[in-house]
Amino acid sequence: MRPNPIAPWELRIGGLRVYYEVEELPDPKVVILAVGVKERNKVRIGKEVVQL
């Protein structure tokens, strides 16, 4: 698998993609970096299209 250019972690929910990172210190939390819509081999985040 190649590294994700958007975030270290990706959650797939149907056609949605949620890109996030996990911070453990000082307090554990999940930081959502982007939410996109999958369209074939591309993801649309706002008006930007990211080639996968």
PDB file of N, CA and C in Angstrom:
ATOM      1  N   MET A   1       0.827  -1.189   0.000  1.00  0.00           N
ATOM      2  CA  MET A   1       0.000   0.000   0.000  1.00  0.00           C
ATOM      3  C   MET A   1       0.871   1.252   0.000  1.00  0.00           C
ATOM      4  N   ARG A   2       0.501   2.214  -0.794  1.00  0.00           N
ATOM      5  CA  ARG A   2       1.265   3.461  -0.798  1.00  0.00           C
ATOM      6  C   ARG A   2       0.720   4.403   0.271  1.00  0.00           C
ATOM      7  N   PRO A   3       1.550   5.306   0.773  1.00  0.00           N
ATOM      8  CA  PRO A   3       1.096   6.229   1.817  1.00  0.00           C
ATOM      9  C   PRO A   3       0.011   7.181   1.313  1.00  0.00           C
ATOM     10  N   ASN A   4      -0.901   7.525   2.194  1.00  0.00           N
ATOM     11  CA  ASN A   4      -1.975   8.454   1.869  1.00  0.00           C
ATOM     12  C   ASN A   4      -1.418   9.876   1.927  1.00  0.00           C
ATOM     13  N   PRO A   5      -1.571  10.682   0.856  1.00  0.00           N
ATOM     14  CA  PRO A   5      -1.007  12.038   0.852  1.00  0.00           C
ATOM     15  C   PRO A   5      -1.796  13.031   1.700  1.00  0.00           C
ATOM     16  N   ILE A   6      -2.980  12.668   2.127  1.00  0.00           N
ATOM     17  CA  ILE A   6      -3.837  13.606   2.854  1.00  0.00           C
ATOM     18  C   ILE A   6      -3.686  13.464   4.358  1.00  0.00           C
ATOM     19  N   ALA A   7      -3.696  12.236   4.856  1.00  0.00           N
ATOM     20  CA  ALA A   7      -3.655  12.001   6.303  1.00  0.00           C
ATOM     21  C   ALA A   7      -3.147  10.592   6.580  1.00  0.00           C
ATOM     22  N   PRO A   8      -2.692  10.346   7.808  1.00  0.00           N
ATOM     23  CA  PRO A   8      -2.206   9.008   8.141  1.00  0.00           C
ATOM     24  C   PRO A   8      -3.309   7.938   8.185  1.00  0.00           C
ATOM     25  N   TRP A   9      -4.557   8.346   8.435  1.00  0.00           N
ATOM     26  CA  TRP A   9      -5.664   7.388   8.557  1.00  0.00           C
ATOM     27  C   TRP A   9      -6.826   7.803   7.672  1.00  0.00           C
ATOM     28  N   GLU A  10      -7.568   6.787   7.183  1.00  0.00           N
ATOM     29  CA  GLU A  10      -8.725   7.029   6.321  1.00  0.00           C
ATOM     30  C   GLU A  10      -9.860   6.110   6.756  1.00  0.00           C
ATOM     31  N   LEU A  11     -11.040   6.677   6.958  1.00  0.00           N
ATOM     32  CA  LEU A  11     -12.236   5.915   7.282  1.00  0.00           C
ATOM     33  C   LEU A  11     -13.136   5.951   6.055  1.00  0.00           C
ATOM     34  N   ARG A  12     -13.565   4.771   5.594  1.00  0.00           N
ATOM     35  CA  ARG A  12     -14.415   4.669   4.406  1.00  0.00           C
ATOM     36  C   ARG A  12     -15.836   4.326   4.831  1.00  0.00           C
ATOM     37  N   ILE A  13     -16.777   5.180   4.424  1.00  0.00           N
ATOM     38  CA  ILE A  13     -18.192   4.984   4.734  1.00  0.00           C
ATOM     39  C   ILE A  13     -18.950   5.137   3.415  1.00  0.00           C
ATOM     40  N   GLY A  14     -19.198   4.022   2.751  1.00  0.00           N
ATOM     41  CA  GLY A  14     -19.832   4.095   1.433  1.00  0.00           C
ATOM     42  C   GLY A  14     -18.960   4.910   0.499  1.00  0.00           C
ATOM     43  N   GLY A  15     -19.517   5.970  -0.084  1.00  0.00           N
ATOM     44  CA  GLY A  15     -18.771   6.843  -0.986  1.00  0.00           C
ATOM     45  C   GLY A  15     -18.048   7.973  -0.272  1.00  0.00           C
ATOM     46  N   LEU A  16     -18.169   8.055   1.038  1.00  0.00           N
ATOM     47  CA  LEU A  16     -17.488   9.111   1.797  1.00  0.00           C
ATOM     48  C   LEU A  16     -16.126   8.639   2.276  1.00  0.00           C
ATOM     49  N   ARG A  17     -15.201   9.581   2.366  1.00  0.00           N
ATOM     50  CA  ARG A  17     -13.880   9.311   2.928  1.00  0.00           C
ATOM     51  C   ARG A  17     -13.608  10.363   4.002  1.00  0.00           C
ATOM     52  N   VAL A  18     -13.229   9.901   5.181  1.00  0.00           N
ATOM     53  CA  VAL A  18     -12.880  10.793   6.280  1.00  0.00           C
ATOM     54  C   VAL A  18     -11.399  10.589   6.554  1.00  0.00           C
ATOM     55  N   TYR A  19     -10.620  11.653   6.443  1.00  0.00           N
ATOM     56  CA  TYR A  19      -9.176  11.596   6.651  1.00  0.00           C
ATOM     57  C   TYR A  19      -8.868  12.215   8.007  1.00  0.00           C
ATOM     58  N   TYR A  20      -8.108  11.468   8.814  1.00  0.00           N
ATOM     59  CA  TYR A  20      -7.876  11.929  10.181  1.00  0.00           C
ATOM     60  C   TYR A  20      -6.523  11.475  10.698  1.00  0.00           C
ATOM     61  N   GLU A  21      -6.124  12.070  11.828  1.00  0.00           N
ATOM     62  CA  GLU A  21      -4.929  11.647  12.542  1.00  0.00           C
ATOM     63  C   GLU A  21      -5.280  11.495  14.012  1.00  0.00           C
ATOM     64  N   VAL A  22      -4.524  10.678  14.706  1.00  0.00           N
ATOM     65  CA  VAL A  22      -4.756  10.424  16.123  1.00  0.00           C
ATOM     66  C   VAL A  22      -3.613  11.043  16.908  1.00  0.00           C
ATOM     67  N   GLU A  23      -3.961  11.887  17.874  1.00  0.00           N
ATOM     68  CA  GLU A  23      -2.973  12.484  18.767  1.00  0.00           C
ATOM     69  C   GLU A  23      -3.144  11.848  20.141  1.00  0.00           C
ATOM     70  N   GLU A  24      -2.087  11.300  20.675  1.00  0.00           N
ATOM     71  CA  GLU A  24      -2.179  10.604  21.957  1.00  0.00           C
ATOM     72  C   GLU A  24      -1.744  11.462  23.133  1.00  0.00           C
ATOM     73  N   LEU A  25      -0.843  12.409  22.907  1.00  0.00           N
ATOM     74  CA  LEU A  25      -0.340  13.232  24.004  1.00  0.00           C
ATOM     75  C   LEU A  25      -0.579  14.692  23.708  1.00  0.00           C
ATOM     76  N   PRO A  26      -0.873  15.534  24.652  1.00  0.00           N
ATOM     77  CA  PRO A  26      -1.031  15.260  26.076  1.00  0.00           C
ATOM     78  C   PRO A  26      -2.367  14.596  26.402  1.00  0.00           C
ATOM     79  N   ASP A  27      -3.407  14.872  25.605  1.00  0.00           N
ATOM     80  CA  ASP A  27      -4.706  14.222  25.810  1.00  0.00           C
ATOM     81  C   ASP A  27      -5.091  13.501  24.521  1.00  0.00           C
ATOM     82  N   PRO A  28      -5.540  12.239  24.611  1.00  0.00           N
ATOM     83  CA  PRO A  28      -5.931  11.510  23.398  1.00  0.00           C
ATOM     84  C   PRO A  28      -7.082  12.205  22.660  1.00  0.00           C
ATOM     85  N   LYS A  29      -6.915  12.347  21.334  1.00  0.00           N
ATOM     86  CA  LYS A  29      -7.995  12.925  20.526  1.00  0.00           C
ATOM     87  C   LYS A  29      -7.805  12.541  19.072  1.00  0.00           C
ATOM     88  N   VAL A  30      -8.892  12.606  18.332  1.00  0.00           N
ATOM     89  CA  VAL A  30      -8.877  12.355  16.897  1.00  0.00           C
ATOM     90  C   VAL A  30      -9.121  13.698  16.213  1.00  0.00           C
ATOM     91  N   VAL A  31      -8.256  14.035  15.264  1.00  0.00           N
ATOM     92  CA  VAL A  31      -8.360  15.295  14.540  1.00  0.00           C
ATOM     93  C   VAL A  31      -8.760  14.973  13.103  1.00  0.00           C
ATOM     94  N   ILE A  32      -9.939  15.442  12.688  1.00  0.00           N
ATOM     95  CA  ILE A  32     -10.411  15.222  11.318  1.00  0.00           C
ATOM     96  C   ILE A  32      -9.785  16.282  10.429  1.00  0.00           C
ATOM     97  N   LEU A  33      -9.060  15.836   9.413  1.00  0.00           N
ATOM     98  CA  LEU A  33      -8.350  16.742   8.523  1.00  0.00           C
ATOM     99  C   LEU A  33      -9.152  17.084   7.272  1.00  0.00           C
ATOM    100  N   ALA A  34      -9.957  16.129   6.791  1.00  0.00           N
ATOM    101  CA  ALA A  34     -10.746  16.370   5.583  1.00  0.00           C
ATOM    102  C   ALA A  34     -11.836  15.315   5.456  1.00  0.00           C
ATOM    103  N   VAL A  35     -12.913  15.691   4.767  1.00  0.00           N
ATOM    104  CA  VAL A  35     -13.995  14.768   4.427  1.00  0.00           C
ATOM    105  C   VAL A  35     -14.221  14.922   2.925  1.00  0.00           C
ATOM    106  N   GLY A  36     -14.218  13.808   2.212  1.00  0.00           N
ATOM    107  CA  GLY A  36     -14.366  13.867   0.770  1.00  0.00           C
ATOM    108  C   GLY A  36     -15.374  12.867   0.250  1.00  0.00           C
ATOM    109  N   VAL A  37     -15.681  12.996  -1.040  1.00  0.00           N
ATOM    110  CA  VAL A  37     -16.606  12.099  -1.724  1.00  0.00           C
ATOM    111  C   VAL A  37     -15.825  11.365  -2.801  1.00  0.00           C
ATOM    112  N   LYS A  38     -15.880  10.038  -2.778  1.00  0.00           N
ATOM    113  CA  LYS A  38     -15.166   9.200  -3.740  1.00  0.00           C
ATOM    114  C   LYS A  38     -15.926   9.172  -5.046  1.00  0.00           C
ATOM    115  N   GLU A  39     -15.217   9.454  -6.142  1.00  0.00           N
ATOM    116  CA  GLU A  39     -15.784   9.413  -7.493  1.00  0.00           C
ATOM    117  C   GLU A  39     -14.810   8.632  -8.371  1.00  0.00           C
ATOM    118  N   ARG A  40     -15.087   7.353  -8.564  1.00  0.00           N
ATOM    119  CA  ARG A  40     -14.218   6.432  -9.310  1.00  0.00           C
ATOM    120  C   ARG A  40     -12.845   6.381  -8.666  1.00  0.00           C
ATOM    121  N   ASN A  41     -11.786   6.854  -9.341  1.00  0.00           N
ATOM    122  CA  ASN A  41     -10.456   6.805  -8.755  1.00  0.00           C
ATOM    123  C   ASN A  41      -9.992   8.182  -8.262  1.00  0.00           C
ATOM    124  N   LYS A  42     -10.959   9.047  -7.963  1.00  0.00           N
ATOM    125  CA  LYS A  42     -10.663  10.386  -7.460  1.00  0.00           C
ATOM    126  C   LYS A  42     -11.497  10.652  -6.211  1.00  0.00           C
ATOM    127  N   VAL A  43     -11.017  11.561  -5.385  1.00  0.00           N
ATOM    128  CA  VAL A  43     -11.776  12.006  -4.217  1.00  0.00           C
ATOM    129  C   VAL A  43     -11.941  13.515  -4.322  1.00  0.00           C
ATOM    130  N   ARG A  44     -13.166  13.972  -4.168  1.00  0.00           N
ATOM    131  CA  ARG A  44     -13.451  15.406  -4.211  1.00  0.00           C
ATOM    132  C   ARG A  44     -13.579  15.910  -2.775  1.00  0.00           C
ATOM    133  N   ILE A  45     -12.699  16.861  -2.426  1.00  0.00           N
ATOM    134  CA  ILE A  45     -12.732  17.503  -1.118  1.00  0.00           C
ATOM    135  C   ILE A  45     -13.011  18.974  -1.373  1.00  0.00           C
ATOM    136  N   GLY A  46     -14.250  19.380  -1.121  1.00  0.00           N
ATOM    137  CA  GLY A  46     -14.654  20.737  -1.489  1.00  0.00           C
ATOM    138  C   GLY A  46     -14.610  20.853  -3.000  1.00  0.00           C
ATOM    139  N   LYS A  47     -13.880  21.846  -3.495  1.00  0.00           N
ATOM    140  CA  LYS A  47     -13.736  22.015  -4.949  1.00  0.00           C
ATOM    141  C   LYS A  47     -12.471  21.359  -5.478  1.00  0.00           C
ATOM    142  N   GLU A  48     -11.640  20.840  -4.593  1.00  0.00           N
ATOM    143  CA  GLU A  48     -10.374  20.216  -4.998  1.00  0.00           C
ATOM    144  C   GLU A  48     -10.582  18.738  -5.314  1.00  0.00           C
ATOM    145  N   VAL A  49      -9.936  18.252  -6.373  1.00  0.00           N
ATOM    146  CA  VAL A  49      -9.996  16.851  -6.747  1.00  0.00           C
ATOM    147  C   VAL A  49      -8.622  16.239  -6.512  1.00  0.00           C
ATOM    148  N   VAL A  50      -8.607  15.131  -5.766  1.00  0.00           N
ATOM    149  CA  VAL A  50      -7.362  14.438  -5.445  1.00  0.00           C
ATOM    150  C   VAL A  50      -7.340  13.117  -6.210  1.00  0.00           C
ATOM    151  N   GLN A  51      -6.292  12.926  -7.015  1.00  0.00           N
ATOM    152  CA  GLN A  51      -6.122  11.691  -7.796  1.00  0.00           C
ATOM    153  C   GLN A  51      -5.574  10.606  -6.869  1.00  0.00           C
ATOM    154  N   LEU A  52      -6.163   9.415  -6.886  1.00  0.00           N
ATOM    155  CA  LEU A  52      -5.686   8.322  -6.057  1.00  0.00           C
ATOM    156  C   LEU A  52      -4.864   7.334  -6.852  1.00  0.00           C
TER     157      LEU A  52
END
